[in-house]
């Protein structure tokens, strides 16, 4: 996969994040570009699509929702980013109220945001919620984004639950997954679950709910 570098020449894409002198980080060796803040709480994640659309976002927190009530269980807090692989940055202990990291991975074909839980979340009953219907949600706020093209589709042929696909120009937010890991010596995913999305505008603000 190739892209045009700042000089206008074609160059081979690299899955690489570079630390800048001011503590921020950039991934610019590909058709899409990413800019990461030094502190996740005081900055924004900026994703630039191959056709030049700028998407600025920042996670808000983790929530429980049982269909009738929504409760925040962990809020974004100060966390300095760390480069853990050539193409992966982690903001450790990024939430107040729950031990969880934020991980960002830059690939030639896309960009991923993951929440990594290091402890069991509190029970929904402790918040007065119905555990049968309660779902764990991640809310990410987008700042003045363009309106995406939204396509609704079922999770599978047999599923009665719908998901959405968001298209911003040439870039698509497709299916997400949640997965658990094995033991400390075996870090391969042991099971996966499809994550649904919703795009919500509320009181002049825009949120991605996963």
C-alpha atoms as a PDB file:
ATOM      1  CA  UNK A   1       0.000   0.000   0.000  1.00  0.00           C
ATOM      2  CA  UNK A   2       1.393   3.393  -1.028  1.00  0.00           C
ATOM      3  CA  UNK A   3       0.649   7.045  -0.244  1.00  0.00           C
ATOM      4  CA  UNK A   4       1.871  10.454  -1.361  1.00  0.00           C
ATOM      5  CA  UNK A   5       4.364  11.960   1.093  1.00  0.00           C
ATOM      6  CA  UNK A   6       4.539  15.737   1.806  1.00  0.00           C
ATOM      7  CA  UNK A   7       6.811  16.199  -1.217  1.00  0.00           C
ATOM      8  CA  UNK A   8       4.179  14.657  -3.479  1.00  0.00           C
ATOM      9  CA  UNK A   9       6.183  11.484  -4.110  1.00  0.00           C
ATOM     10  CA  UNK A  10       4.729   7.988  -3.771  1.00  0.00           C
ATOM     11  CA  UNK A  11       6.067   6.123  -0.740  1.00  0.00           C
ATOM     12  CA  UNK A  12       5.303   2.773   0.894  1.00  0.00           C
ATOM     13  CA  UNK A  13       2.929   2.997   3.849  1.00  0.00           C
ATOM     14  CA  UNK A  14       4.310   2.207   7.317  1.00  0.00           C
ATOM     15  CA  UNK A  15       2.483   1.137  10.447  1.00  0.00           C
ATOM     16  CA  UNK A  16       4.418   3.610  12.549  1.00  0.00           C
ATOM     17  CA  UNK A  17       3.691   6.174  15.272  1.00  0.00           C
ATOM     18  CA  UNK A  18       6.279   8.910  15.883  1.00  0.00           C
ATOM     19  CA  UNK A  19       6.738  10.769  19.167  1.00  0.00           C
ATOM     20  CA  UNK A  20       7.058  14.531  18.728  1.00  0.00           C
ATOM     21  CA  UNK A  21       9.248  16.882  20.834  1.00  0.00           C
ATOM     22  CA  UNK A  22       6.175  18.350  22.569  1.00  0.00           C
ATOM     23  CA  UNK A  23       5.049  14.906  23.800  1.00  0.00           C
ATOM     24  CA  UNK A  24       2.311  14.409  21.217  1.00  0.00           C
ATOM     25  CA  UNK A  25       2.457  11.624  18.642  1.00  0.00           C
ATOM     26  CA  UNK A  26       1.674  11.346  14.940  1.00  0.00           C
ATOM     27  CA  UNK A  27       1.130   8.561  12.427  1.00  0.00           C
ATOM     28  CA  UNK A  28       1.563  10.096   8.991  1.00  0.00           C
ATOM     29  CA  UNK A  29       3.213   7.381   6.902  1.00  0.00           C
ATOM     30  CA  UNK A  30       0.019   6.244   5.203  1.00  0.00           C
ATOM     31  CA  UNK A  31      -3.079   7.288   3.283  1.00  0.00           C
ATOM     32  CA  UNK A  32      -4.810   8.177   6.540  1.00  0.00           C
ATOM     33  CA  UNK A  33      -3.157  10.169   9.317  1.00  0.00           C
ATOM     34  CA  UNK A  34      -3.536  10.256  13.097  1.00  0.00           C
ATOM     35  CA  UNK A  35      -2.537  12.821  15.711  1.00  0.00           C
ATOM     36  CA  UNK A  36      -2.475  11.780  19.386  1.00  0.00           C
ATOM     37  CA  UNK A  37      -2.261  14.148  22.384  1.00  0.00           C
ATOM     38  CA  UNK A  38       0.310  13.838  25.134  1.00  0.00           C
ATOM     39  CA  UNK A  39      -2.470  13.671  27.755  1.00  0.00           C
ATOM     40  CA  UNK A  40      -5.750  12.126  26.629  1.00  0.00           C
ATOM     41  CA  UNK A  41      -7.833  14.229  29.019  1.00  0.00           C
ATOM     42  CA  UNK A  42      -6.439  17.559  27.796  1.00  0.00           C
ATOM     43  CA  UNK A  43      -6.362  16.818  24.078  1.00  0.00           C
ATOM     44  CA  UNK A  44      -8.209  15.180  21.213  1.00  0.00           C
ATOM     45  CA  UNK A  45      -7.593  12.284  18.853  1.00  0.00           C
ATOM     46  CA  UNK A  46      -7.496  13.613  15.296  1.00  0.00           C
ATOM     47  CA  UNK A  47      -8.017  11.200  12.411  1.00  0.00           C
ATOM     48  CA  UNK A  48      -7.579  12.482   8.858  1.00  0.00           C
ATOM     49  CA  UNK A  49      -9.214  10.332   6.178  1.00  0.00           C
ATOM     50  CA  UNK A  50      -7.519   9.638   2.819  1.00  0.00           C
ATOM     51  CA  UNK A  51      -9.755  12.283   1.253  1.00  0.00           C
ATOM     52  CA  UNK A  52      -8.894  14.938   3.844  1.00  0.00           C
ATOM     53  CA  UNK A  53     -11.830  14.773   6.275  1.00  0.00           C
ATOM     54  CA  UNK A  54     -10.753  15.666   9.819  1.00  0.00           C
ATOM     55  CA  UNK A  55     -12.449  13.764  12.658  1.00  0.00           C
ATOM     56  CA  UNK A  56     -11.636  15.008  16.164  1.00  0.00           C
ATOM     57  CA  UNK A  57     -12.755  12.942  19.134  1.00  0.00           C
ATOM     58  CA  UNK A  58     -12.142  12.104  22.782  1.00  0.00           C
ATOM     59  CA  UNK A  59     -13.616   9.341  24.966  1.00  0.00           C
ATOM     60  CA  UNK A  60     -16.003  10.496  27.679  1.00  0.00           C
ATOM     61  CA  UNK A  61     -16.302   7.449  29.907  1.00  0.00           C
ATOM     62  CA  UNK A  62     -17.795   4.016  30.482  1.00  0.00           C
ATOM     63  CA  UNK A  63     -21.515   3.628  31.133  1.00  0.00           C
ATOM     64  CA  UNK A  64     -24.167   1.086  32.001  1.00  0.00           C
ATOM     65  CA  UNK A  65     -27.497   1.201  30.169  1.00  0.00           C
ATOM     66  CA  UNK A  66     -30.450  -1.112  30.846  1.00  0.00           C
ATOM     67  CA  UNK A  67     -32.793   0.381  28.249  1.00  0.00           C
ATOM     68  CA  UNK A  68     -34.438   2.731  30.736  1.00  0.00           C
ATOM     69  CA  UNK A  69     -31.568   4.245  32.706  1.00  0.00           C
ATOM     70  CA  UNK A  70     -27.972   5.189  31.926  1.00  0.00           C
ATOM     71  CA  UNK A  71     -25.283   5.492  34.604  1.00  0.00           C
ATOM     72  CA  UNK A  72     -21.636   6.534  34.260  1.00  0.00           C
ATOM     73  CA  UNK A  73     -19.358   4.042  36.015  1.00  0.00           C
ATOM     74  CA  UNK A  74     -15.964   5.449  34.986  1.00  0.00           C
ATOM     75  CA  UNK A  75     -14.952   8.892  33.700  1.00  0.00           C
ATOM     76  CA  UNK A  76     -11.988   9.839  31.519  1.00  0.00           C
ATOM     77  CA  UNK A  77      -9.111  11.272  33.552  1.00  0.00           C
ATOM     78  CA  UNK A  78      -5.552  12.488  33.017  1.00  0.00           C
ATOM     79  CA  UNK A  79      -3.293   9.893  31.404  1.00  0.00           C
ATOM     80  CA  UNK A  80      -0.029  10.394  29.507  1.00  0.00           C
ATOM     81  CA  UNK A  81       0.359   8.310  26.362  1.00  0.00           C
ATOM     82  CA  UNK A  82       3.073   5.653  26.060  1.00  0.00           C
ATOM     83  CA  UNK A  83       4.361   4.079  22.851  1.00  0.00           C
ATOM     84  CA  UNK A  84       4.305   0.306  23.477  1.00  0.00           C
ATOM     85  CA  UNK A  85       4.833  -0.863  19.892  1.00  0.00           C
ATOM     86  CA  UNK A  86       5.922   0.891  16.726  1.00  0.00           C
ATOM     87  CA  UNK A  87       2.264   1.353  15.773  1.00  0.00           C
ATOM     88  CA  UNK A  88       0.499   1.276  19.146  1.00  0.00           C
ATOM     89  CA  UNK A  89       0.070   3.854  21.917  1.00  0.00           C
ATOM     90  CA  UNK A  90      -1.488   3.255  25.328  1.00  0.00           C
ATOM     91  CA  UNK A  91      -2.969   5.690  27.840  1.00  0.00           C
ATOM     92  CA  UNK A  92      -2.744   3.691  31.098  1.00  0.00           C
ATOM     93  CA  UNK A  93      -5.309   4.028  33.898  1.00  0.00           C
ATOM     94  CA  UNK A  94      -7.279   6.414  31.692  1.00  0.00           C
ATOM     95  CA  UNK A  95     -10.517   6.248  33.690  1.00  0.00           C
ATOM     96  CA  UNK A  96     -11.423   7.337  37.203  1.00  0.00           C
ATOM     97  CA  UNK A  97     -13.551   4.679  38.882  1.00  0.00           C
ATOM     98  CA  UNK A  98     -12.286   1.608  37.018  1.00  0.00           C
ATOM     99  CA  UNK A  99      -8.844   0.215  36.179  1.00  0.00           C
ATOM    100  CA  UNK A 100      -8.836   0.446  32.383  1.00  0.00           C
ATOM    101  CA  UNK A 101      -6.485   1.613  29.621  1.00  0.00           C
ATOM    102  CA  UNK A 102      -7.097   3.225  26.258  1.00  0.00           C
ATOM    103  CA  UNK A 103      -5.156   1.691  23.376  1.00  0.00           C
ATOM    104  CA  UNK A 104      -4.786   3.182  19.896  1.00  0.00           C
ATOM    105  CA  UNK A 105      -3.417   1.115  17.016  1.00  0.00           C
ATOM    106  CA  UNK A 106      -2.419   2.522  13.633  1.00  0.00           C
ATOM    107  CA  UNK A 107      -2.548   0.118  10.689  1.00  0.00           C
ATOM    108  CA  UNK A 108      -2.109   0.536   6.950  1.00  0.00           C
ATOM    109  CA  UNK A 109      -5.794  -0.197   6.459  1.00  0.00           C
ATOM    110  CA  UNK A 110      -7.300   1.551   9.477  1.00  0.00           C
ATOM    111  CA  UNK A 111      -7.126   2.923  13.011  1.00  0.00           C
ATOM    112  CA  UNK A 112      -8.475   1.311  16.186  1.00  0.00           C
ATOM    113  CA  UNK A 113      -9.540   2.545  19.606  1.00  0.00           C
ATOM    114  CA  UNK A 114      -9.783  -0.119  22.327  1.00  0.00           C
ATOM    115  CA  UNK A 115     -10.688   0.002  26.000  1.00  0.00           C
ATOM    116  CA  UNK A 116      -8.742  -2.608  27.973  1.00  0.00           C
ATOM    117  CA  UNK A 117     -10.322  -3.567  31.311  1.00  0.00           C
ATOM    118  CA  UNK A 118      -7.988  -4.777  34.051  1.00  0.00           C
ATOM    119  CA  UNK A 119     -10.703  -5.452  36.607  1.00  0.00           C
ATOM    120  CA  UNK A 120     -14.306  -6.605  36.698  1.00  0.00           C
ATOM    121  CA  UNK A 121     -16.736  -3.663  36.463  1.00  0.00           C
ATOM    122  CA  UNK A 122     -19.142  -3.246  39.393  1.00  0.00           C
ATOM    123  CA  UNK A 123     -22.424  -5.124  39.201  1.00  0.00           C
ATOM    124  CA  UNK A 124     -25.350  -3.369  37.509  1.00  0.00           C
ATOM    125  CA  UNK A 125     -27.451  -4.118  40.618  1.00  0.00           C
ATOM    126  CA  UNK A 126     -25.206  -1.796  42.633  1.00  0.00           C
ATOM    127  CA  UNK A 127     -26.558   1.055  40.498  1.00  0.00           C
ATOM    128  CA  UNK A 128     -30.155  -0.121  40.703  1.00  0.00           C
ATOM    129  CA  UNK A 129     -30.129  -1.465  37.140  1.00  0.00           C
ATOM    130  CA  UNK A 130     -31.607  -4.652  35.727  1.00  0.00           C
ATOM    131  CA  UNK A 131     -28.625  -6.981  35.102  1.00  0.00           C
ATOM    132  CA  UNK A 132     -30.514  -8.968  32.462  1.00  0.00           C
ATOM    133  CA  UNK A 133     -30.828  -5.972  30.147  1.00  0.00           C
ATOM    134  CA  UNK A 134     -27.758  -3.963  31.120  1.00  0.00           C
ATOM    135  CA  UNK A 135     -25.025  -3.310  28.570  1.00  0.00           C
ATOM    136  CA  UNK A 136     -21.589  -1.813  29.061  1.00  0.00           C
ATOM    137  CA  UNK A 137     -21.080   1.198  26.807  1.00  0.00           C
ATOM    138  CA  UNK A 138     -18.137   3.332  25.729  1.00  0.00           C
ATOM    139  CA  UNK A 139     -19.018   6.913  24.799  1.00  0.00           C
ATOM    140  CA  UNK A 140     -16.712   8.920  22.549  1.00  0.00           C
ATOM    141  CA  UNK A 141     -17.479  12.549  21.757  1.00  0.00           C
ATOM    142  CA  UNK A 142     -16.830  13.899  18.245  1.00  0.00           C
ATOM    143  CA  UNK A 143     -16.259  17.630  17.878  1.00  0.00           C
ATOM    144  CA  UNK A 144     -18.037  19.338  14.961  1.00  0.00           C
ATOM    145  CA  UNK A 145     -17.915  16.272  12.708  1.00  0.00           C
ATOM    146  CA  UNK A 146     -19.454  16.136   9.235  1.00  0.00           C
ATOM    147  CA  UNK A 147     -22.629  14.116   8.943  1.00  0.00           C
ATOM    148  CA  UNK A 148     -21.742  10.513   8.077  1.00  0.00           C
ATOM    149  CA  UNK A 149     -23.668   8.247   5.769  1.00  0.00           C
ATOM    150  CA  UNK A 150     -25.357   5.731   8.083  1.00  0.00           C
ATOM    151  CA  UNK A 151     -26.388   2.227   7.067  1.00  0.00           C
ATOM    152  CA  UNK A 152     -28.366   0.016   9.457  1.00  0.00           C
ATOM    153  CA  UNK A 153     -27.985  -3.751   9.272  1.00  0.00           C
ATOM    154  CA  UNK A 154     -28.563  -6.797  11.531  1.00  0.00           C
ATOM    155  CA  UNK A 155     -25.597  -8.283  13.366  1.00  0.00           C
ATOM    156  CA  UNK A 156     -26.215 -11.581  11.594  1.00  0.00           C
ATOM    157  CA  UNK A 157     -28.881 -13.307   9.517  1.00  0.00           C
ATOM    158  CA  UNK A 158     -30.506 -14.725  12.656  1.00  0.00           C
ATOM    159  CA  UNK A 159     -29.987 -11.714  14.924  1.00  0.00           C
ATOM    160  CA  UNK A 160     -32.787  -9.321  15.869  1.00  0.00           C
ATOM    161  CA  UNK A 161     -30.233  -6.743  17.037  1.00  0.00           C
ATOM    162  CA  UNK A 162     -29.118  -4.073  14.559  1.00  0.00           C
ATOM    163  CA  UNK A 163     -25.784  -2.358  14.127  1.00  0.00           C
ATOM    164  CA  UNK A 164     -24.811   0.628  11.981  1.00  0.00           C
ATOM    165  CA  UNK A 165     -21.977   1.361   9.585  1.00  0.00           C
ATOM    166  CA  UNK A 166     -20.708   4.945   9.448  1.00  0.00           C
ATOM    167  CA  UNK A 167     -19.071   6.288   6.288  1.00  0.00           C
ATOM    168  CA  UNK A 168     -17.005   9.487   6.260  1.00  0.00           C
ATOM    169  CA  UNK A 169     -15.888   9.940   2.690  1.00  0.00           C
ATOM    170  CA  UNK A 170     -13.588   7.025   1.885  1.00  0.00           C
ATOM    171  CA  UNK A 171     -13.378   5.837   5.510  1.00  0.00           C
ATOM    172  CA  UNK A 172     -15.814   3.444   7.184  1.00  0.00           C
ATOM    173  CA  UNK A 173     -16.480   2.611  10.822  1.00  0.00           C
ATOM    174  CA  UNK A 174     -17.480  -1.018  10.572  1.00  0.00           C
ATOM    175  CA  UNK A 175     -18.081  -3.844  13.015  1.00  0.00           C
ATOM    176  CA  UNK A 176     -16.287  -3.742  16.343  1.00  0.00           C
ATOM    177  CA  UNK A 177     -15.458  -6.635  18.667  1.00  0.00           C
ATOM    178  CA  UNK A 178     -15.029  -7.216  22.369  1.00  0.00           C
ATOM    179  CA  UNK A 179     -12.811 -10.068  23.487  1.00  0.00           C
ATOM    180  CA  UNK A 180     -11.233 -11.565  26.571  1.00  0.00           C
ATOM    181  CA  UNK A 181      -7.654 -12.743  26.937  1.00  0.00           C
ATOM    182  CA  UNK A 182      -6.264 -15.985  28.271  1.00  0.00           C
ATOM    183  CA  UNK A 183      -3.735 -16.239  31.068  1.00  0.00           C
ATOM    184  CA  UNK A 184      -0.768 -13.932  31.542  1.00  0.00           C
ATOM    185  CA  UNK A 185       1.349 -16.402  29.589  1.00  0.00           C
ATOM    186  CA  UNK A 186      -1.253 -16.867  26.877  1.00  0.00           C
ATOM    187  CA  UNK A 187      -2.453 -13.460  25.689  1.00  0.00           C
ATOM    188  CA  UNK A 188      -4.379 -14.680  22.653  1.00  0.00           C
ATOM    189  CA  UNK A 189      -8.104 -13.795  22.616  1.00  0.00           C
ATOM    190  CA  UNK A 190     -10.188 -16.643  24.057  1.00  0.00           C
ATOM    191  CA  UNK A 191     -13.615 -15.450  22.867  1.00  0.00           C
ATOM    192  CA  UNK A 192     -15.099 -12.574  20.883  1.00  0.00           C
ATOM    193  CA  UNK A 193     -18.389 -10.682  20.913  1.00  0.00           C
ATOM    194  CA  UNK A 194     -19.608  -8.244  18.263  1.00  0.00           C
ATOM    195  CA  UNK A 195     -20.008  -4.675  19.508  1.00  0.00           C
ATOM    196  CA  UNK A 196     -22.896  -2.546  18.252  1.00  0.00           C
ATOM    197  CA  UNK A 197     -22.712   1.201  17.590  1.00  0.00           C
ATOM    198  CA  UNK A 198     -24.992   4.217  17.671  1.00  0.00           C
ATOM    199  CA  UNK A 199     -24.424   7.780  16.455  1.00  0.00           C
ATOM    200  CA  UNK A 200     -26.227  10.226  18.721  1.00  0.00           C
ATOM    201  CA  UNK A 201     -26.651  13.999  18.693  1.00  0.00           C
ATOM    202  CA  UNK A 202     -27.650  15.392  22.077  1.00  0.00           C
ATOM    203  CA  UNK A 203     -27.917  19.034  23.121  1.00  0.00           C
ATOM    204  CA  UNK A 204     -25.573  20.205  20.388  1.00  0.00           C
ATOM    205  CA  UNK A 205     -22.987  17.471  21.022  1.00  0.00           C
ATOM    206  CA  UNK A 206     -22.226  14.350  18.974  1.00  0.00           C
ATOM    207  CA  UNK A 207     -21.399  10.945  20.450  1.00  0.00           C
ATOM    208  CA  UNK A 208     -20.401   7.528  19.199  1.00  0.00           C
ATOM    209  CA  UNK A 209     -21.866   4.897  21.533  1.00  0.00           C
ATOM    210  CA  UNK A 210     -20.355   1.409  21.437  1.00  0.00           C
END
